[in-house]
Amino acid sequence: MVRPLDSLIEKPVIVYTSLIDYRGILKEVTEEAVVLRGATGWHQIPMDRIKDIRPG
């Protein structure tokens, strides 16, 4: 089964949350979180905090 976010893996994205926006390369998507490699290191963002994910 192909999930919509799978097409963005290994591409630059912006992850919008209610507190901060994260920019980086999307590395992994699970039911619990997304993982980005950003300029300041690795970020694991829980799905319940994510408002939107867009190509960046």
PDB file of N, CA and C in Angstrom:
ATOM      1  N   MET A   1       0.841  -1.186   0.000  1.00  0.00           N
ATOM      2  CA  MET A   1       0.000   0.000   0.000  1.00  0.00           C
ATOM      3  C   MET A   1       0.885   1.247   0.000  1.00  0.00           C
ATOM      4  N   VAL A   2       0.659   2.129  -0.926  1.00  0.00           N
ATOM      5  CA  VAL A   2       1.428   3.363  -1.018  1.00  0.00           C
ATOM      6  C   VAL A   2       0.707   4.446  -0.223  1.00  0.00           C
ATOM      7  N   ARG A   3       1.455   5.066   0.685  1.00  0.00           N
ATOM      8  CA  ARG A   3       0.894   6.151   1.482  1.00  0.00           C
ATOM      9  C   ARG A   3       1.290   7.484   0.844  1.00  0.00           C
ATOM     10  N   PRO A   4       0.463   8.511   0.990  1.00  0.00           N
ATOM     11  CA  PRO A   4       0.740   9.803   0.337  1.00  0.00           C
ATOM     12  C   PRO A   4       2.116  10.392   0.686  1.00  0.00           C
ATOM     13  N   LEU A   5       2.567  10.230   1.919  1.00  0.00           N
ATOM     14  CA  LEU A   5       3.845  10.822   2.315  1.00  0.00           C
ATOM     15  C   LEU A   5       5.042  10.037   1.803  1.00  0.00           C
ATOM     16  N   ASP A   6       4.845   8.797   1.371  1.00  0.00           N
ATOM     17  CA  ASP A   6       5.963   7.995   0.874  1.00  0.00           C
ATOM     18  C   ASP A   6       6.641   8.652  -0.323  1.00  0.00           C
ATOM     19  N   SER A   7       5.901   9.402  -1.114  1.00  0.00           N
ATOM     20  CA  SER A   7       6.492  10.058  -2.288  1.00  0.00           C
ATOM     21  C   SER A   7       7.437  11.193  -1.895  1.00  0.00           C
ATOM     22  N   LEU A   8       7.370  11.638  -0.638  1.00  0.00           N
ATOM     23  CA  LEU A   8       8.234  12.730  -0.166  1.00  0.00           C
ATOM     24  C   LEU A   8       9.494  12.246   0.551  1.00  0.00           C
ATOM     25  N   ILE A   9       9.628  10.942   0.761  1.00  0.00           N
ATOM     26  CA  ILE A   9      10.810  10.417   1.455  1.00  0.00           C
ATOM     27  C   ILE A   9      12.050  10.725   0.627  1.00  0.00           C
ATOM     28  N   GLU A  10      13.102  11.183   1.327  1.00  0.00           N
ATOM     29  CA  GLU A  10      14.382  11.605   0.750  1.00  0.00           C
ATOM     30  C   GLU A  10      14.287  12.920  -0.021  1.00  0.00           C
ATOM     31  N   LYS A  11      13.212  13.683   0.206  1.00  0.00           N
ATOM     32  CA  LYS A  11      13.054  14.991  -0.424  1.00  0.00           C
ATOM     33  C   LYS A  11      12.919  16.062   0.654  1.00  0.00           C
ATOM     34  N   PRO A  12      13.225  17.327   0.334  1.00  0.00           N
ATOM     35  CA  PRO A  12      13.057  18.404   1.302  1.00  0.00           C
ATOM     36  C   PRO A  12      11.577  18.668   1.582  1.00  0.00           C
ATOM     37  N   VAL A  13      11.256  18.835   2.861  1.00  0.00           N
ATOM     38  CA  VAL A  13       9.884  19.114   3.279  1.00  0.00           C
ATOM     39  C   VAL A  13       9.881  20.176   4.376  1.00  0.00           C
ATOM     40  N   ILE A  14       8.707  20.727   4.598  1.00  0.00           N
ATOM     41  CA  ILE A  14       8.453  21.589   5.758  1.00  0.00           C
ATOM     42  C   ILE A  14       7.349  20.909   6.550  1.00  0.00           C
ATOM     43  N   VAL A  15       7.609  20.681   7.841  1.00  0.00           N
ATOM     44  CA  VAL A  15       6.619  20.084   8.734  1.00  0.00           C
ATOM     45  C   VAL A  15       6.111  21.194   9.641  1.00  0.00           C
ATOM     46  N   TYR A  16       4.815  21.461   9.553  1.00  0.00           N
ATOM     47  CA  TYR A  16       4.191  22.524  10.335  1.00  0.00           C
ATOM     48  C   TYR A  16       3.568  21.932  11.595  1.00  0.00           C
ATOM     49  N   THR A  17       3.907  22.514  12.750  1.00  0.00           N
ATOM     50  CA  THR A  17       3.262  22.165  14.009  1.00  0.00           C
ATOM     51  C   THR A  17       2.685  23.448  14.593  1.00  0.00           C
ATOM     52  N   SER A  18       1.995  23.325  15.702  1.00  0.00           N
ATOM     53  CA  SER A  18       1.411  24.522  16.315  1.00  0.00           C
ATOM     54  C   SER A  18       2.474  25.420  16.956  1.00  0.00           C
ATOM     55  N   LEU A  19       3.665  24.875  17.232  1.00  0.00           N
ATOM     56  CA  LEU A  19       4.700  25.659  17.898  1.00  0.00           C
ATOM     57  C   LEU A  19       5.825  26.106  16.977  1.00  0.00           C
ATOM     58  N   ILE A  20       6.233  25.248  16.050  1.00  0.00           N
ATOM     59  CA  ILE A  20       7.416  25.532  15.239  1.00  0.00           C
ATOM     60  C   ILE A  20       7.279  24.829  13.891  1.00  0.00           C
ATOM     61  N   ASP A  21       7.959  25.349  12.891  1.00  0.00           N
ATOM     62  CA  ASP A  21       8.016  24.705  11.577  1.00  0.00           C
ATOM     63  C   ASP A  21       9.404  24.086  11.424  1.00  0.00           C
ATOM     64  N   TYR A  22       9.452  22.848  10.984  1.00  0.00           N
ATOM     65  CA  TYR A  22      10.707  22.129  10.790  1.00  0.00           C
ATOM     66  C   TYR A  22      10.972  21.998   9.301  1.00  0.00           C
ATOM     67  N   ARG A  23      12.213  22.246   8.882  1.00  0.00           N
ATOM     68  CA  ARG A  23      12.633  22.048   7.493  1.00  0.00           C
ATOM     69  C   ARG A  23      13.722  20.994   7.481  1.00  0.00           C
ATOM     70  N   GLY A  24      13.638  20.099   6.510  1.00  0.00           N
ATOM     71  CA  GLY A  24      14.672  19.087   6.397  1.00  0.00           C
ATOM     72  C   GLY A  24      14.318  18.047   5.359  1.00  0.00           C
ATOM     73  N   ILE A  25      15.132  17.005   5.312  1.00  0.00           N
ATOM     74  CA  ILE A  25      14.927  15.890   4.399  1.00  0.00           C
ATOM     75  C   ILE A  25      14.104  14.838   5.136  1.00  0.00           C
ATOM     76  N   LEU A  26      12.973  14.469   4.569  1.00  0.00           N
ATOM     77  CA  LEU A  26      12.107  13.463   5.190  1.00  0.00           C
ATOM     78  C   LEU A  26      12.770  12.101   5.072  1.00  0.00           C
ATOM     79  N   LYS A  27      12.993  11.454   6.204  1.00  0.00           N
ATOM     80  CA  LYS A  27      13.691  10.171   6.217  1.00  0.00           C
ATOM     81  C   LYS A  27      12.775   8.994   6.492  1.00  0.00           C
ATOM     82  N   GLU A  28      11.776   9.180   7.362  1.00  0.00           N
ATOM     83  CA  GLU A  28      10.924   8.053   7.740  1.00  0.00           C
ATOM     84  C   GLU A  28       9.556   8.556   8.170  1.00  0.00           C
ATOM     85  N   VAL A  29       8.529   7.762   7.854  1.00  0.00           N
ATOM     86  CA  VAL A  29       7.159   8.060   8.267  1.00  0.00           C
ATOM     87  C   VAL A  29       6.587   6.804   8.903  1.00  0.00           C
ATOM     88  N   THR A  30       6.123   6.930  10.161  1.00  0.00           N
ATOM     89  CA  THR A  30       5.432   5.832  10.832  1.00  0.00           C
ATOM     90  C   THR A  30       4.078   6.338  11.300  1.00  0.00           C
ATOM     91  N   GLU A  31       3.301   5.468  11.897  1.00  0.00           N
ATOM     92  CA  GLU A  31       2.006   5.892  12.440  1.00  0.00           C
ATOM     93  C   GLU A  31       2.180   6.822  13.622  1.00  0.00           C
ATOM     94  N   GLU A  32       3.326   6.744  14.294  1.00  0.00           N
ATOM     95  CA  GLU A  32       3.560   7.543  15.500  1.00  0.00           C
ATOM     96  C   GLU A  32       4.295   8.858  15.247  1.00  0.00           C
ATOM     97  N   ALA A  33       5.177   8.893  14.234  1.00  0.00           N
ATOM     98  CA  ALA A  33       6.037  10.067  14.074  1.00  0.00           C
ATOM     99  C   ALA A  33       6.605  10.134  12.663  1.00  0.00           C
ATOM    100  N   VAL A  34       7.166  11.325  12.346  1.00  0.00           N
ATOM    101  CA  VAL A  34       7.983  11.480  11.151  1.00  0.00           C
ATOM    102  C   VAL A  34       9.396  11.831  11.602  1.00  0.00           C
ATOM    103  N   VAL A  35      10.372  11.438  10.803  1.00  0.00           N
ATOM    104  CA  VAL A  35      11.774  11.696  11.115  1.00  0.00           C
ATOM    105  C   VAL A  35      12.367  12.523   9.993  1.00  0.00           C
ATOM    106  N   LEU A  36      13.002  13.637  10.385  1.00  0.00           N
ATOM    107  CA  LEU A  36      13.653  14.550   9.444  1.00  0.00           C
ATOM    108  C   LEU A  36      15.131  14.662   9.763  1.00  0.00           C
ATOM    109  N   ARG A  37      15.933  14.877   8.732  1.00  0.00           N
ATOM    110  CA  ARG A  37      17.328  15.275   8.932  1.00  0.00           C
ATOM    111  C   ARG A  37      17.402  16.741   8.551  1.00  0.00           C
ATOM    112  N   GLY A  38      17.551  17.590   9.546  1.00  0.00           N
ATOM    113  CA  GLY A  38      17.581  19.027   9.321  1.00  0.00           C
ATOM    114  C   GLY A  38      18.976  19.598   9.437  1.00  0.00           C
ATOM    115  N   ALA A  39      19.087  20.898   9.253  1.00  0.00           N
ATOM    116  CA  ALA A  39      20.380  21.580   9.324  1.00  0.00           C
ATOM    117  C   ALA A  39      21.002  21.485  10.714  1.00  0.00           C
ATOM    118  N   THR A  40      20.172  21.384  11.742  1.00  0.00           N
ATOM    119  CA  THR A  40      20.686  21.325  13.115  1.00  0.00           C
ATOM    120  C   THR A  40      20.685  19.915  13.687  1.00  0.00           C
ATOM    121  N   GLY A  41      20.393  18.916  12.867  1.00  0.00           N
ATOM    122  CA  GLY A  41      20.405  17.534  13.347  1.00  0.00           C
ATOM    123  C   GLY A  41      19.118  16.809  13.004  1.00  0.00           C
ATOM    124  N   TRP A  42      18.911  15.719  13.701  1.00  0.00           N
ATOM    125  CA  TRP A  42      17.757  14.855  13.464  1.00  0.00           C
ATOM    126  C   TRP A  42      16.580  15.292  14.324  1.00  0.00           C
ATOM    127  N   HIS A  43      15.372  15.208  13.757  1.00  0.00           N
ATOM    128  CA  HIS A  43      14.153  15.559  14.476  1.00  0.00           C
ATOM    129  C   HIS A  43      13.137  14.439  14.307  1.00  0.00           C
ATOM    130  N   GLN A  44      12.578  14.000  15.421  1.00  0.00           N
ATOM    131  CA  GLN A  44      11.470  13.043  15.392  1.00  0.00           C
ATOM    132  C   GLN A  44      10.257  13.781  15.933  1.00  0.00           C
ATOM    133  N   ILE A  45       9.241  13.951  15.084  1.00  0.00           N
ATOM    134  CA  ILE A  45       8.081  14.766  15.430  1.00  0.00           C
ATOM    135  C   ILE A  45       6.861  13.857  15.544  1.00  0.00           C
ATOM    136  N   PRO A  46       6.231  13.815  16.717  1.00  0.00           N
ATOM    137  CA  PRO A  46       5.042  12.969  16.885  1.00  0.00           C
ATOM    138  C   PRO A  46       3.906  13.412  15.969  1.00  0.00           C
ATOM    139  N   MET A  47       3.187  12.452  15.423  1.00  0.00           N
ATOM    140  CA  MET A  47       2.083  12.733  14.496  1.00  0.00           C
ATOM    141  C   MET A  47       1.002  13.618  15.119  1.00  0.00           C
ATOM    142  N   ASP A  48       0.766  13.481  16.414  1.00  0.00           N
ATOM    143  CA  ASP A  48      -0.308  14.276  17.037  1.00  0.00           C
ATOM    144  C   ASP A  48       0.043  15.764  17.137  1.00  0.00           C
ATOM    145  N   ARG A  49       1.304  16.136  16.896  1.00  0.00           N
ATOM    146  CA  ARG A  49       1.705  17.547  16.894  1.00  0.00           C
ATOM    147  C   ARG A  49       1.712  18.154  15.498  1.00  0.00           C
ATOM    148  N   ILE A  50       1.674  17.327  14.464  1.00  0.00           N
ATOM    149  CA  ILE A  50       1.811  17.793  13.081  1.00  0.00           C
ATOM    150  C   ILE A  50       0.498  18.337  12.549  1.00  0.00           C
ATOM    151  N   LYS A  51       0.557  19.543  12.004  1.00  0.00           N
ATOM    152  CA  LYS A  51      -0.606  20.172  11.371  1.00  0.00           C
ATOM    153  C   LYS A  51      -0.604  19.933   9.865  1.00  0.00           C
ATOM    154  N   ASP A  52       0.580  19.957   9.227  1.00  0.00           N
ATOM    155  CA  ASP A  52       0.676  19.784   7.783  1.00  0.00           C
ATOM    156  C   ASP A  52       2.121  19.444   7.420  1.00  0.00           C
ATOM    157  N   ILE A  53       2.293  18.752   6.290  1.00  0.00           N
ATOM    158  CA  ILE A  53       3.608  18.472   5.729  1.00  0.00           C
ATOM    159  C   ILE A  53       3.528  18.815   4.249  1.00  0.00           C
ATOM    160  N   ARG A  54       4.474  19.661   3.809  1.00  0.00           N
ATOM    161  CA  ARG A  54       4.479  20.107   2.410  1.00  0.00           C
ATOM    162  C   ARG A  54       5.888  20.002   1.841  1.00  0.00           C
ATOM    163  N   PRO A  55       5.988  19.828   0.526  1.00  0.00           N
ATOM    164  CA  PRO A  55       7.311  19.848  -0.097  1.00  0.00           C
ATOM    165  C   PRO A  55       7.988  21.195   0.172  1.00  0.00           C
ATOM    166  N   GLY A  56       9.273  21.156   0.399  1.00  0.00           N
ATOM    167  CA  GLY A  56       9.946  22.402   0.729  1.00  0.00           C
ATOM    168  C   GLY A  56      11.199  22.560  -0.015  1.00  0.00           C
TER     169      GLY A  56
END
